[in-house]
Structures are given as C-alpha cells and as structure tokens.
Amino acid sequence: MPMHKAVVSASIGLHARPAAEFVRAVTATGLAVTIRKAGIQGVDARSLLEVMTADFPFGCEVELAVPDSALSGPSGQVAAAEALQMLAALLESQGAA
C-alpha cells in the first residue's frame, strides 16, 4: 500500500478553502486516497465532509494512503506513490499562499 506523510500547513487546518482545494486535487488523481492522523481511522480524502469533520488542524501530521486493492500492478504502485507525493506537497504548501 503506497503511503506518504505530510504536515498540514494551512493556518486554519484542513477546513473550508484548504480542504476543498485538497479534495479537488485528490479527486483529480482518480485514486481512492485515505487520509488519517494519529488516533483516528482513515477517511475518504475524496469527501469534503469527511475531511472537514475529521479535524486536521494546522501542524497536524497526516498519512495519505492508497489501498493495494485500488491499484493495477507495479505501474499503479508508481503512479499512486507519485500522486501521494504531489498531494503531500500541496498540504505542506497551503500555508505559503
């Protein structure tokens, strides 16, 4: 299962605009991405409601993952790893805007 860690850098956390921007980026990948933080089960990162209600505040370390069942072979693993890296970069750059 491809995974990548990131730190939420938006000053308001993953709420409102930063959450919507993140969910749009996840949806554009076409992958079944989950996002989780310590102490909670992963939520569907394609769902704005789930992302916002899971409460990912500023400075929170999150783990992004794509289940193996959603991938097709080694090329799918590589594509998922690249997508997760891009999504992590988005989360870590939102504070700069």
N, C-alpha and C. Protein backbone atom coordinates (compact mmCIF):
# COMPACT_ATOMS: atom_id res chain seq x y z
N MET A 1 0.85 -1.17 0.00
CA MET A 1 0.00 0.00 0.00
C MET A 1 0.89 1.24 0.00
N PRO A 2 0.84 2.04 -1.07
CA PRO A 2 1.61 3.28 -1.09
C PRO A 2 1.13 4.24 -0.01
N MET A 3 2.08 4.85 0.71
CA MET A 3 1.76 5.81 1.77
C MET A 3 2.73 6.98 1.69
N HIS A 4 2.29 8.09 2.20
CA HIS A 4 3.15 9.27 2.29
C HIS A 4 2.69 10.11 3.46
N LYS A 5 3.63 10.66 4.22
CA LYS A 5 3.28 11.52 5.35
C LYS A 5 3.47 12.98 4.96
N ALA A 6 2.68 13.84 5.61
CA ALA A 6 2.77 15.28 5.38
C ALA A 6 2.32 16.00 6.64
N VAL A 7 2.62 17.28 6.69
CA VAL A 7 2.18 18.13 7.79
C VAL A 7 1.26 19.19 7.21
N VAL A 8 0.09 19.35 7.82
CA VAL A 8 -0.88 20.35 7.36
C VAL A 8 -0.33 21.74 7.67
N SER A 9 -0.15 22.55 6.64
CA SER A 9 0.46 23.87 6.84
C SER A 9 -0.51 25.03 6.75
N ALA A 10 -1.75 24.79 6.33
CA ALA A 10 -2.74 25.87 6.27
C ALA A 10 -3.04 26.33 7.69
N SER A 11 -3.04 27.64 7.91
CA SER A 11 -3.21 28.17 9.27
C SER A 11 -4.54 27.77 9.89
N ILE A 12 -5.56 27.51 9.07
CA ILE A 12 -6.86 27.08 9.61
C ILE A 12 -7.01 25.55 9.53
N GLY A 13 -5.96 24.86 9.18
CA GLY A 13 -6.03 23.41 9.03
C GLY A 13 -6.78 23.04 7.77
N LEU A 14 -7.21 21.80 7.69
CA LEU A 14 -7.99 21.35 6.52
C LEU A 14 -9.45 21.68 6.76
N HIS A 15 -9.77 22.94 6.60
CA HIS A 15 -11.12 23.44 6.78
C HIS A 15 -11.40 24.42 5.65
N ALA A 16 -12.61 24.48 5.22
CA ALA A 16 -13.06 25.42 4.19
C ALA A 16 -12.21 25.35 2.92
N ARG A 17 -11.59 26.46 2.53
CA ARG A 17 -10.86 26.53 1.26
C ARG A 17 -9.72 25.53 1.14
N PRO A 18 -8.84 25.39 2.15
CA PRO A 18 -7.76 24.41 2.01
C PRO A 18 -8.28 22.97 1.85
N ALA A 19 -9.35 22.64 2.55
CA ALA A 19 -9.92 21.30 2.43
C ALA A 19 -10.51 21.09 1.04
N ALA A 20 -11.22 22.08 0.54
CA ALA A 20 -11.83 21.97 -0.79
C ALA A 20 -10.76 21.82 -1.87
N GLU A 21 -9.68 22.60 -1.75
CA GLU A 21 -8.59 22.51 -2.71
C GLU A 21 -7.94 21.12 -2.66
N PHE A 22 -7.73 20.61 -1.46
CA PHE A 22 -7.14 19.28 -1.30
C PHE A 22 -8.04 18.20 -1.89
N VAL A 23 -9.34 18.25 -1.57
CA VAL A 23 -10.28 17.24 -2.07
C VAL A 23 -10.36 17.27 -3.59
N ARG A 24 -10.34 18.47 -4.19
CA ARG A 24 -10.34 18.57 -5.67
C ARG A 24 -9.10 17.90 -6.24
N ALA A 25 -7.95 18.12 -5.61
CA ALA A 25 -6.70 17.51 -6.10
C ALA A 25 -6.75 15.99 -5.97
N VAL A 26 -7.28 15.50 -4.86
CA VAL A 26 -7.40 14.05 -4.66
C VAL A 26 -8.32 13.47 -5.73
N THR A 27 -9.46 14.08 -5.93
CA THR A 27 -10.43 13.59 -6.91
C THR A 27 -9.82 13.55 -8.31
N ALA A 28 -9.00 14.54 -8.63
CA ALA A 28 -8.37 14.61 -9.95
C ALA A 28 -7.39 13.45 -10.18
N THR A 29 -6.85 12.86 -9.12
CA THR A 29 -5.93 11.73 -9.29
C THR A 29 -6.67 10.47 -9.74
N GLY A 30 -7.96 10.38 -9.45
CA GLY A 30 -8.73 9.18 -9.78
C GLY A 30 -8.44 8.02 -8.85
N LEU A 31 -7.74 8.27 -7.75
CA LEU A 31 -7.37 7.21 -6.80
C LEU A 31 -8.22 7.27 -5.54
N ALA A 32 -8.38 6.13 -4.91
CA ALA A 32 -9.11 6.03 -3.64
C ALA A 32 -8.15 6.33 -2.50
N VAL A 33 -7.88 7.61 -2.27
CA VAL A 33 -6.92 8.03 -1.26
C VAL A 33 -7.62 8.15 0.10
N THR A 34 -6.93 7.71 1.15
CA THR A 34 -7.41 7.94 2.51
C THR A 34 -6.43 8.88 3.20
N ILE A 35 -6.95 9.60 4.18
CA ILE A 35 -6.12 10.49 5.00
C ILE A 35 -6.44 10.19 6.45
N ARG A 36 -5.38 10.12 7.26
CA ARG A 36 -5.58 9.84 8.69
C ARG A 36 -4.53 10.56 9.51
N LYS A 37 -4.86 10.72 10.78
CA LYS A 37 -3.90 11.24 11.75
C LYS A 37 -3.89 10.27 12.91
N ALA A 38 -2.92 10.41 13.78
CA ALA A 38 -2.81 9.52 14.93
C ALA A 38 -4.12 9.54 15.72
N GLY A 39 -4.59 8.37 16.06
CA GLY A 39 -5.78 8.26 16.89
C GLY A 39 -7.10 8.16 16.16
N ILE A 40 -7.08 8.30 14.83
CA ILE A 40 -8.34 8.13 14.09
C ILE A 40 -8.14 7.18 12.92
N GLN A 41 -9.23 6.58 12.52
CA GLN A 41 -9.22 5.72 11.34
C GLN A 41 -9.18 6.62 10.11
N GLY A 42 -8.59 6.16 9.04
CA GLY A 42 -8.52 6.93 7.81
C GLY A 42 -9.90 7.25 7.26
N VAL A 43 -10.02 8.42 6.62
CA VAL A 43 -11.26 8.82 5.98
C VAL A 43 -11.01 8.98 4.49
N ASP A 44 -12.08 8.94 3.73
CA ASP A 44 -12.00 9.08 2.28
C ASP A 44 -11.61 10.52 1.93
N ALA A 45 -10.44 10.69 1.37
CA ALA A 45 -9.94 12.03 1.05
C ALA A 45 -10.66 12.65 -0.14
N ARG A 46 -11.54 11.91 -0.79
CA ARG A 46 -12.34 12.46 -1.89
C ARG A 46 -13.61 13.11 -1.38
N SER A 47 -13.87 12.98 -0.07
CA SER A 47 -15.10 13.51 0.53
C SER A 47 -14.80 14.76 1.35
N LEU A 48 -15.30 15.90 0.91
CA LEU A 48 -15.08 17.14 1.64
C LEU A 48 -15.65 17.05 3.05
N LEU A 49 -16.82 16.48 3.18
CA LEU A 49 -17.45 16.36 4.50
C LEU A 49 -16.60 15.52 5.45
N GLU A 50 -16.10 14.37 4.96
CA GLU A 50 -15.28 13.51 5.82
C GLU A 50 -13.96 14.19 6.20
N VAL A 51 -13.34 14.88 5.26
CA VAL A 51 -12.07 15.55 5.54
C VAL A 51 -12.28 16.66 6.57
N MET A 52 -13.32 17.46 6.39
CA MET A 52 -13.54 18.57 7.31
C MET A 52 -13.95 18.10 8.71
N THR A 53 -14.75 17.05 8.80
CA THR A 53 -15.20 16.60 10.12
C THR A 53 -14.15 15.77 10.85
N ALA A 54 -13.14 15.29 10.16
CA ALA A 54 -12.07 14.53 10.82
C ALA A 54 -11.13 15.43 11.61
N ASP A 55 -11.17 16.73 11.36
CA ASP A 55 -10.40 17.72 12.11
C ASP A 55 -8.89 17.51 11.99
N PHE A 56 -8.34 18.05 10.90
CA PHE A 56 -6.90 18.03 10.67
C PHE A 56 -6.40 19.47 10.86
N PRO A 57 -5.98 19.85 12.08
CA PRO A 57 -5.58 21.22 12.36
C PRO A 57 -4.19 21.56 11.81
N PHE A 58 -3.85 22.84 11.87
CA PHE A 58 -2.53 23.32 11.49
C PHE A 58 -1.46 22.54 12.27
N GLY A 59 -0.42 22.11 11.57
CA GLY A 59 0.69 21.40 12.20
C GLY A 59 0.47 19.93 12.42
N CYS A 60 -0.70 19.43 12.07
CA CYS A 60 -1.04 18.01 12.26
C CYS A 60 -0.30 17.16 11.23
N GLU A 61 0.33 16.08 11.69
CA GLU A 61 0.95 15.15 10.76
C GLU A 61 -0.12 14.17 10.29
N VAL A 62 -0.22 14.02 8.99
CA VAL A 62 -1.20 13.11 8.40
C VAL A 62 -0.50 12.05 7.56
N GLU A 63 -1.20 10.97 7.35
CA GLU A 63 -0.71 9.90 6.50
C GLU A 63 -1.70 9.73 5.35
N LEU A 64 -1.21 9.82 4.14
CA LEU A 64 -2.01 9.60 2.94
C LEU A 64 -1.71 8.20 2.43
N ALA A 65 -2.73 7.48 2.01
CA ALA A 65 -2.52 6.10 1.54
C ALA A 65 -3.51 5.75 0.44
N VAL A 66 -3.10 4.78 -0.37
CA VAL A 66 -3.96 4.19 -1.40
C VAL A 66 -3.92 2.69 -1.17
N PRO A 67 -5.08 2.06 -0.94
CA PRO A 67 -5.08 0.61 -0.71
C PRO A 67 -4.64 -0.16 -1.96
N ASP A 68 -3.92 -1.25 -1.73
CA ASP A 68 -3.44 -2.07 -2.85
C ASP A 68 -4.58 -2.54 -3.74
N SER A 69 -5.75 -2.77 -3.15
CA SER A 69 -6.88 -3.26 -3.94
C SER A 69 -7.33 -2.24 -5.00
N ALA A 70 -6.93 -0.98 -4.85
CA ALA A 70 -7.31 0.06 -5.81
C ALA A 70 -6.27 0.24 -6.91
N LEU A 71 -5.22 -0.58 -6.89
CA LEU A 71 -4.12 -0.42 -7.84
C LEU A 71 -4.07 -1.57 -8.84
N SER A 72 -3.48 -1.29 -9.99
CA SER A 72 -3.33 -2.34 -11.00
C SER A 72 -1.85 -2.54 -11.30
N GLY A 73 -1.22 -3.44 -10.56
CA GLY A 73 0.16 -3.81 -10.83
C GLY A 73 1.19 -2.79 -10.41
N PRO A 74 2.45 -3.07 -10.78
CA PRO A 74 3.57 -2.20 -10.39
C PRO A 74 3.45 -0.77 -10.91
N SER A 75 2.92 -0.60 -12.12
CA SER A 75 2.77 0.75 -12.65
C SER A 75 1.76 1.55 -11.83
N GLY A 76 0.75 0.87 -11.31
CA GLY A 76 -0.23 1.52 -10.43
C GLY A 76 0.40 1.96 -9.13
N GLN A 77 1.32 1.15 -8.60
CA GLN A 77 2.04 1.50 -7.38
C GLN A 77 2.85 2.78 -7.59
N VAL A 78 3.54 2.86 -8.71
CA VAL A 78 4.38 4.02 -9.01
C VAL A 78 3.50 5.26 -9.17
N ALA A 79 2.42 5.14 -9.93
CA ALA A 79 1.52 6.26 -10.14
C ALA A 79 0.92 6.74 -8.81
N ALA A 80 0.54 5.80 -7.96
CA ALA A 80 -0.03 6.16 -6.66
C ALA A 80 1.00 6.86 -5.79
N ALA A 81 2.23 6.36 -5.78
CA ALA A 81 3.29 6.98 -4.98
C ALA A 81 3.53 8.42 -5.45
N GLU A 82 3.54 8.63 -6.76
CA GLU A 82 3.74 9.98 -7.30
C GLU A 82 2.58 10.89 -6.94
N ALA A 83 1.35 10.37 -7.03
CA ALA A 83 0.17 11.17 -6.68
C ALA A 83 0.19 11.54 -5.21
N LEU A 84 0.55 10.60 -4.35
CA LEU A 84 0.60 10.89 -2.91
C LEU A 84 1.66 11.93 -2.61
N GLN A 85 2.78 11.87 -3.30
CA GLN A 85 3.84 12.86 -3.10
C GLN A 85 3.34 14.25 -3.50
N MET A 86 2.62 14.34 -4.60
CA MET A 86 2.06 15.60 -5.05
C MET A 86 1.02 16.13 -4.04
N LEU A 87 0.17 15.26 -3.53
CA LEU A 87 -0.84 15.67 -2.56
C LEU A 87 -0.19 16.13 -1.25
N ALA A 88 0.87 15.43 -0.83
CA ALA A 88 1.58 15.83 0.38
C ALA A 88 2.20 17.22 0.18
N ALA A 89 2.78 17.45 -0.99
CA ALA A 89 3.37 18.76 -1.28
C ALA A 89 2.30 19.86 -1.23
N LEU A 90 1.11 19.56 -1.73
CA LEU A 90 0.01 20.53 -1.67
C LEU A 90 -0.33 20.86 -0.21
N LEU A 91 -0.47 19.84 0.62
CA LEU A 91 -0.79 20.07 2.03
C LEU A 91 0.29 20.92 2.71
N GLU A 92 1.53 20.68 2.35
CA GLU A 92 2.64 21.38 3.01
C GLU A 92 2.89 22.76 2.43
N SER A 93 2.28 23.09 1.30
CA SER A 93 2.47 24.42 0.69
C SER A 93 1.29 25.35 0.90
N GLN A 94 0.18 24.86 1.41
CA GLN A 94 -1.01 25.70 1.55
C GLN A 94 -0.80 26.86 2.50
N GLY A 95 0.12 26.76 3.44
CA GLY A 95 0.38 27.86 4.35
C GLY A 95 1.13 29.00 3.71
N ALA A 96 1.76 28.71 2.57
CA ALA A 96 2.56 29.72 1.89
C ALA A 96 1.69 30.68 1.08
N ALA A 97 0.45 30.28 0.82
CA ALA A 97 -0.43 31.11 -0.02
C ALA A 97 -1.03 32.26 0.75
